[in-house]
Amino acid sequence: MMAIRLPQAPGEKEAMLAWAQERLPVDFGPPALAYTIGVCRDQQLAAVAVYNDFRKTDMRMSIAADTPRWATKEAIAFLLWWPFGMHPSLRRITAVVQKRNARSRKLVEGIGFRPEGTHLDLFEDDDGVSYALTRRWWSRSKWFLPDPQPNREAA
């Protein structure tokens, strides 16, 4: 069963950040300026969404995963609802993906992000492609739920 894990215990957010950092070539910045949501399968982390680089109308979203099996409709809907539902001034989410990472690019495009541009030499051995998902696009998508109530796992 898939469950959403919101960090509650001391150090849990930092542990989720470290888990994501081991899997992604991204610097999330100071832990105090990031938020994490875990997706668990059989009580084990299968994916972690990291939200950082907050601005009034934009934030960055990254997803680290060990398996594509985390990506249920419920999980994706909640991970997209959280930034827009919790931050009324947010107008868009930005995601940056390695250009050669076809699986990740297919995922972000499949959940409604649209490509915006290429960032040459952004990663150590690859270019980056930036994507955006606006509140308007999300609210018209199959992922839109006004207030999802996911299956939550205790910390």
Foldseek 3Di string as FASTA:
>chain_A
DKAKEFDDDPCPLVVLVVVQVVQDQDDQPDSVFKGKMFIDDPNHGFKIWIWGPDDLAEIEIDMGGPDPVSDDLLVLLVVVCVVCVVRVSHFKYKYKDFPPPVVVVCVCVVLPWDWDDWAPCPGVPGIIIMTMDTPVRNCPDPSDDNDRDTHHDYD
